[in-house]
Amino acid sequence: MESGKLIVVIPVLDNAHRQRIRSAAAAHGREVLFFESVKEALPALRDAEIVFGQPAELASNAPRMKWLCTPSAGVDQFMGEKVFASPDAVLSNSSGAYGVTIAEHTIMLLLSLFRRRLDYDDILSRREWRRDLPVKSIRNGRFVLAGTGDIGQETALRLRAFGPRSVLGVNRSGQNPENRFDRVVPIRDWESFLPEADALILSLPGTPETRHLLGEKQLSLLPDGAAVINVGRGSVIDQPALEKELRAGRLCAALDVFEEEPLPQDHSLWTCPNLLITPHTAGNMTLPWTVERIVDLFLEDLENYCAGRPLSRRVDLRKGY
């Protein structure tokens, strides 16, 4: 039987990336077509067998597709009963490509909060010269990382370089991957970690299980002055509850993700004190290493697919990860 087409819709790929994909596909007798947008790809999607791309419209317009690989780690956009036109399609993601860039972003956010960047920005905006604000250090700090996958592990590795007192993990299983954490508990027991956290770092996926995991009760368990950083999914935090704590001055936070994106221009979070906002830039494809890794992971699973082996990063659409 003739092999079906491979459709790629990832505009950031350069010529070297495209040549690698062409060569790998040719080794299995597959034709590859590259497109800059879903609109351009629509005619070719009708008989595509494999799709490598991000928008959910790719899935809903490929009735013969067997496998879609998204270059993102999150798969929220593919959840739902009517997303896939093909009943036989499977989904894989690029989990494992974003740990480096998101971990570095997280450390930037943490240091910005601990070193009082928001306050000094305000002082400097008034052209005042002041140098006496008390700051915090990662050294001897206590950190709770909710999410111990690629992002959590890479973040823990970087935190270790600063000499923290403890790096604790929270995940579904309670297992300690690569022994990166001093201790790990399952999500059901995670509240026991919160009262001792100098900073809570969230890198959890957006699923029904994690929705508003950090709510009013959990926020109240954090000590005064604690920092909250979210680089996972905005739905994990009850935003109004967090905003209440920030406006009261009890906590500080850095958010890269929100329940609604883009954050509406009239949203109250734009003027919320003690909050550092980045516009979902922690884990996009602007770091060349990330793009290279995305291609590596896709080609690894292309070999698995063509050999009839299970995909390494297949997503369970019922669970959302």
Protein backbone atom coordinates (compact mmCIF):
# COMPACT_ATOMS: atom_id res chain seq x y z
CA MET A 1 0.00 0.00 0.00
CA GLU A 2 1.29 3.46 -0.87
CA SER A 3 2.40 5.52 2.08
CA GLY A 4 0.29 8.57 2.85
CA LYS A 5 1.46 12.15 2.83
CA LEU A 6 3.19 13.92 5.68
CA ILE A 7 1.97 17.50 6.11
CA VAL A 8 4.05 19.95 8.14
CA VAL A 9 2.63 23.31 9.28
CA ILE A 10 5.31 24.87 11.50
CA PRO A 11 6.48 28.19 10.01
CA VAL A 12 9.51 28.58 12.32
CA LEU A 13 11.32 25.60 10.81
CA ASP A 14 14.40 26.61 8.83
CA ASN A 15 15.82 24.89 5.76
CA ALA A 16 18.01 22.57 7.81
CA HIS A 17 15.03 21.38 9.84
CA ARG A 18 12.98 20.81 6.71
CA GLN A 19 15.76 18.86 5.06
CA ARG A 20 16.06 16.58 8.07
CA ILE A 21 12.32 15.85 7.90
CA ARG A 22 12.46 15.29 4.14
CA SER A 23 15.34 12.84 4.45
CA ALA A 24 13.68 10.88 7.26
CA ALA A 25 10.37 10.70 5.38
CA ALA A 26 12.06 9.70 2.11
CA ALA A 27 13.72 6.78 3.89
CA HIS A 28 10.20 5.42 4.44
CA GLY A 29 8.86 6.34 1.01
CA ARG A 30 6.80 9.25 2.21
CA GLU A 31 6.14 12.57 0.53
CA VAL A 32 6.44 15.68 2.67
CA LEU A 33 4.64 18.96 2.04
CA PHE A 34 5.44 22.11 4.04
CA PHE A 35 2.94 24.93 4.53
CA GLU A 36 3.05 28.27 6.32
CA SER A 37 -0.57 28.24 7.47
CA VAL A 38 -3.62 26.04 7.91
CA LYS A 39 -5.34 27.87 5.07
CA GLU A 40 -2.55 26.94 2.67
CA ALA A 41 -2.54 23.34 3.90
CA LEU A 42 -6.31 22.74 3.64
CA PRO A 43 -6.37 21.08 0.18
CA ALA A 44 -3.50 18.72 1.06
CA LEU A 45 -5.03 17.76 4.42
CA ARG A 46 -7.78 15.79 2.71
CA ASP A 47 -5.47 12.83 2.06
CA ALA A 48 -2.83 13.39 4.74
CA GLU A 49 -1.81 10.42 6.86
CA ILE A 50 0.59 12.24 9.21
CA VAL A 51 0.34 15.88 10.31
CA PHE A 52 3.04 17.77 12.20
CA GLY A 53 1.61 21.07 13.36
CA GLN A 54 -0.13 23.07 16.03
CA PRO A 55 -3.62 24.47 15.26
CA ALA A 56 -6.58 22.25 16.07
CA GLU A 57 -7.99 23.09 12.62
CA LEU A 58 -5.43 20.67 11.22
CA ALA A 59 -7.13 17.80 13.04
CA SER A 60 -10.64 18.83 12.06
CA ASN A 61 -9.77 19.03 8.35
CA ALA A 62 -7.83 15.77 7.93
CA PRO A 63 -10.41 12.96 7.57
CA ARG A 64 -7.83 10.27 6.72
CA MET A 65 -5.19 11.23 9.24
CA LYS A 66 -3.69 8.49 11.40
CA TRP A 67 -1.31 10.55 13.53
CA LEU A 68 -1.00 14.21 14.49
CA CYS A 69 2.11 15.43 16.30
CA THR A 70 1.82 18.85 17.86
CA PRO A 71 5.01 20.87 18.42
CA SER A 72 3.62 22.06 21.76
CA ALA A 73 3.66 20.23 25.08
CA GLY A 74 0.13 21.29 26.04
CA VAL A 75 -2.78 19.73 24.16
CA ASP A 76 -5.73 21.77 25.44
CA GLN A 77 -6.69 22.84 21.93
CA PHE A 78 -7.16 19.21 20.85
CA MET A 79 -9.53 18.25 23.65
CA GLY A 80 -13.17 17.75 22.73
CA GLU A 81 -15.34 15.27 20.88
CA LYS A 82 -15.41 16.99 17.49
CA VAL A 83 -11.80 18.13 17.12
CA PHE A 84 -10.59 15.16 15.06
CA ALA A 85 -12.27 14.48 11.72
CA SER A 86 -10.61 11.06 11.60
CA PRO A 87 -11.89 8.52 14.13
CA ASP A 88 -8.62 6.56 13.82
CA ALA A 89 -6.25 9.45 14.59
CA VAL A 90 -3.84 9.43 17.51
CA LEU A 91 -2.19 12.48 19.03
CA SER A 92 1.35 12.96 20.30
CA ASN A 93 2.98 16.06 21.74
CA SER A 94 6.47 17.50 22.10
CA SER A 95 6.84 17.08 25.83
CA GLY A 96 10.54 17.19 26.57
CA ALA A 97 11.34 20.08 24.25
CA TYR A 98 10.44 22.97 26.55
CA GLY A 99 12.10 22.20 29.86
CA VAL A 100 15.22 24.25 29.20
CA THR A 101 13.55 27.44 28.00
CA ILE A 102 10.75 27.37 30.60
CA ALA A 103 13.14 26.58 33.45
CA GLU A 104 15.35 29.52 32.50
CA HIS A 105 12.28 31.77 32.29
CA THR A 106 11.17 30.52 35.70
CA ILE A 107 14.50 31.36 37.31
CA MET A 108 14.30 34.83 35.75
CA LEU A 109 10.84 35.35 37.24
CA LEU A 110 11.87 34.02 40.64
CA LEU A 111 14.91 36.27 40.85
CA SER A 112 12.85 39.23 39.66
CA LEU A 113 10.42 38.71 42.52
CA PHE A 114 13.05 37.97 45.15
CA ARG A 115 15.20 40.93 44.08
CA ARG A 116 12.19 43.31 44.08
CA ARG A 117 12.24 44.16 40.37
CA LEU A 118 8.65 45.45 40.44
CA ASP A 119 9.39 47.85 43.27
CA TYR A 120 12.65 49.06 41.78
CA ASP A 121 11.01 49.57 38.39
CA ASP A 122 8.47 51.81 40.10
CA ILE A 123 11.19 53.72 41.95
CA LEU A 124 13.28 54.21 38.82
CA SER A 125 10.23 55.32 36.82
CA ARG A 126 10.18 58.33 39.16
CA ARG A 127 13.94 58.83 38.61
CA GLU A 128 14.59 58.20 42.27
CA TRP A 129 17.86 56.66 43.49
CA ARG A 130 17.09 54.17 46.23
CA ARG A 131 18.99 51.01 47.15
CA ASP A 132 17.67 49.80 50.50
CA LEU A 133 14.78 47.42 49.75
CA PRO A 134 15.14 44.09 51.58
CA VAL A 135 15.54 41.18 49.16
CA LYS A 136 15.40 37.39 49.33
CA SER A 137 17.82 34.73 48.16
CA ILE A 138 17.28 31.33 46.58
CA ARG A 139 20.07 30.16 48.87
CA ASN A 140 18.53 28.40 51.89
CA GLY A 141 15.08 28.92 50.39
CA ARG A 142 12.28 26.36 50.39
CA PHE A 143 10.70 25.64 47.03
CA VAL A 144 7.66 23.59 46.04
CA LEU A 145 7.42 22.54 42.39
CA ALA A 146 3.95 21.36 41.40
CA GLY A 147 4.76 19.39 38.26
CA THR A 148 7.85 17.17 38.09
CA GLY A 149 8.02 16.50 34.36
CA ASP A 150 10.60 17.93 32.01
CA ILE A 151 9.91 21.51 33.13
CA GLY A 152 9.92 20.72 36.83
CA GLN A 153 13.09 18.63 36.60
CA GLU A 154 14.98 21.27 34.62
CA THR A 155 13.84 23.94 37.09
CA ALA A 156 14.92 21.83 40.07
CA LEU A 157 18.32 21.30 38.48
CA ARG A 158 18.84 25.06 38.15
CA LEU A 159 17.56 25.80 41.64
CA ARG A 160 20.14 23.38 43.04
CA ALA A 161 22.95 25.59 41.75
CA PHE A 162 21.85 28.33 44.18
CA GLY A 163 22.01 26.16 47.29
CA PRO A 164 18.38 25.99 48.42
CA ARG A 165 17.34 24.42 51.71
CA SER A 166 14.77 22.19 50.02
CA VAL A 167 13.28 21.47 46.60
CA LEU A 168 10.01 19.56 46.95
CA GLY A 169 7.91 18.06 44.17
CA VAL A 170 4.23 17.40 43.58
CA ASN A 171 2.89 15.03 40.91
CA ARG A 172 0.24 12.37 40.34
CA SER A 173 2.28 9.35 41.40
CA GLY A 174 4.40 10.57 44.27
CA GLN A 175 7.47 9.18 42.48
CA ASN A 176 10.74 11.14 42.41
CA PRO A 177 11.97 11.31 38.78
CA GLU A 178 15.77 11.26 38.44
CA ASN A 179 15.90 11.93 42.21
CA ARG A 180 15.79 15.64 41.38
CA PHE A 181 13.69 16.46 44.45
CA ASP A 182 14.28 16.13 48.17
CA ARG A 183 10.80 14.71 48.56
CA VAL A 184 7.75 14.20 46.33
CA VAL A 185 4.12 13.76 47.31
CA PRO A 186 1.04 12.98 45.18
CA ILE A 187 -1.35 15.83 44.43
CA ARG A 188 -3.82 14.65 47.06
CA ASP A 189 -1.24 15.41 49.77
CA TRP A 190 0.28 18.56 48.31
CA GLU A 191 -1.26 21.00 50.81
CA SER A 192 1.15 19.72 53.46
CA PHE A 193 4.03 21.39 51.58
CA LEU A 194 2.46 24.84 51.24
CA PRO A 195 2.99 26.35 54.72
CA GLU A 196 6.78 26.08 54.35
CA ALA A 197 7.10 27.36 50.77
CA ASP A 198 9.12 30.47 50.05
CA ALA A 199 8.01 30.00 46.45
CA LEU A 200 5.45 27.77 44.75
CA ILE A 201 6.25 27.02 41.10
CA LEU A 202 3.47 25.54 38.96
CA SER A 203 4.13 23.73 35.68
CA LEU A 204 1.04 21.51 35.58
CA PRO A 205 -1.07 20.71 32.49
CA GLY A 206 -4.59 22.02 32.18
CA THR A 207 -6.89 19.10 33.01
CA PRO A 208 -10.12 18.66 35.01
CA GLU A 209 -7.96 17.30 37.84
CA THR A 210 -5.79 20.42 38.03
CA ARG A 211 -8.46 23.09 37.47
CA HIS A 212 -8.23 25.67 40.28
CA LEU A 213 -5.94 23.35 42.21
CA LEU A 214 -4.52 26.51 43.75
CA GLY A 215 -7.64 28.10 45.18
CA GLU A 216 -8.55 30.26 48.14
CA LYS A 217 -7.85 27.52 50.69
CA GLN A 218 -4.46 26.58 49.27
CA LEU A 219 -3.39 30.20 48.89
CA SER A 220 -4.22 30.80 52.53
CA LEU A 221 -1.78 28.04 53.51
CA LEU A 222 1.16 29.82 51.91
CA PRO A 223 3.24 31.90 54.35
CA ASP A 224 3.25 35.69 54.22
CA GLY A 225 5.61 36.96 51.54
CA ALA A 226 5.62 33.74 49.51
CA ALA A 227 5.94 33.89 45.73
CA VAL A 228 3.66 32.09 43.25
CA ILE A 229 4.94 31.39 39.74
CA ASN A 230 2.80 29.77 37.05
CA VAL A 231 4.37 28.60 33.78
CA GLY A 232 1.99 25.69 33.17
CA ARG A 233 -1.65 26.46 32.43
CA GLY A 234 -3.74 29.38 33.65
CA SER A 235 -6.66 27.17 34.68
CA VAL A 236 -4.61 25.72 37.55
CA ILE A 237 -5.03 28.93 39.58
CA ASP A 238 -8.23 30.54 40.83
CA GLN A 239 -7.22 33.97 39.49
CA PRO A 240 -9.66 36.09 41.54
CA ALA A 241 -8.50 34.36 44.72
CA LEU A 242 -4.86 35.00 43.87
CA GLU A 243 -5.57 38.62 42.91
CA LYS A 244 -7.18 39.17 46.31
CA GLU A 245 -4.00 38.00 48.04
CA LEU A 246 -1.81 40.15 45.79
CA ARG A 247 -3.83 43.29 46.36
CA ALA A 248 -3.71 42.66 50.09
CA GLY A 249 0.07 42.58 49.82
CA ARG A 250 0.39 39.17 51.45
CA LEU A 251 1.84 37.34 48.42
CA CYS A 252 3.67 38.19 45.21
CA ALA A 253 3.36 36.38 41.91
CA ALA A 254 4.66 36.00 38.37
CA LEU A 255 2.23 34.67 35.79
CA ASP A 256 3.10 33.60 32.26
CA VAL A 257 -0.25 31.91 31.64
CA PHE A 258 -3.86 32.94 32.25
CA GLU A 259 -7.35 31.47 32.11
CA GLU A 260 -8.12 33.73 29.15
CA GLU A 261 -5.41 34.51 26.60
CA PRO A 262 -4.58 37.06 25.42
CA LEU A 263 -5.31 38.71 28.74
CA PRO A 264 -8.06 41.26 27.95
CA GLN A 265 -6.81 44.83 27.92
CA ASP A 266 -9.36 45.86 30.54
CA HIS A 267 -8.58 42.97 32.89
CA SER A 268 -7.88 43.97 36.49
CA LEU A 269 -4.68 41.92 36.61
CA TRP A 270 -2.93 44.51 34.44
CA THR A 271 -3.02 46.95 37.36
CA CYS A 272 -2.64 44.42 40.15
CA PRO A 273 0.22 45.20 42.55
CA ASN A 274 2.84 42.58 43.41
CA LEU A 275 2.33 40.86 40.07
CA LEU A 276 4.83 40.34 37.26
CA ILE A 277 3.23 39.44 33.92
CA THR A 278 4.85 37.82 30.90
CA PRO A 279 2.63 37.11 27.84
CA HIS A 280 2.96 33.30 27.62
CA THR A 281 6.57 33.60 26.45
CA ALA A 282 8.18 31.01 28.74
CA GLY A 283 7.71 28.10 26.40
CA ASN A 284 7.13 29.25 22.85
CA MET A 285 9.37 28.41 19.90
CA THR A 286 11.66 31.46 20.05
CA LEU A 287 14.67 29.58 21.44
CA PRO A 288 16.52 27.74 18.63
CA TRP A 289 17.39 24.83 20.94
CA THR A 290 13.67 24.28 21.54
CA VAL A 291 12.88 24.08 17.82
CA GLU A 292 15.77 21.67 17.26
CA ARG A 293 14.49 19.48 20.07
CA ILE A 294 10.94 19.52 18.67
CA VAL A 295 12.24 18.19 15.37
CA ASP A 296 14.35 15.55 17.16
CA LEU A 297 11.35 14.26 19.06
CA PHE A 298 9.14 14.18 15.98
CA LEU A 299 11.72 12.24 13.98
CA GLU A 300 12.12 9.78 16.84
CA ASP A 301 8.40 9.08 16.80
CA LEU A 302 8.31 9.03 13.00
CA GLU A 303 10.67 6.06 13.19
CA ASN A 304 8.40 4.46 15.78
CA TYR A 305 5.31 5.06 13.64
CA CYS A 306 6.82 3.69 10.45
CA ALA A 307 8.11 0.62 12.30
CA GLY A 308 4.72 -0.06 13.85
CA ARG A 309 5.94 0.68 17.38
CA PRO A 310 4.03 2.73 19.99
CA LEU A 311 4.63 6.46 19.90
CA SER A 312 6.87 7.68 22.72
CA ARG A 313 4.77 10.76 23.44
CA ARG A 314 1.27 9.61 22.64
CA VAL A 315 -1.39 11.62 24.46
CA ASP A 316 -4.37 10.09 26.23
CA LEU A 317 -7.15 12.41 25.10
CA ARG A 318 -9.36 11.31 27.99
CA LYS A 319 -6.79 12.52 30.52
CA GLY A 320 -5.34 15.47 28.58
CA TYR A 321 -1.70 14.40 28.84
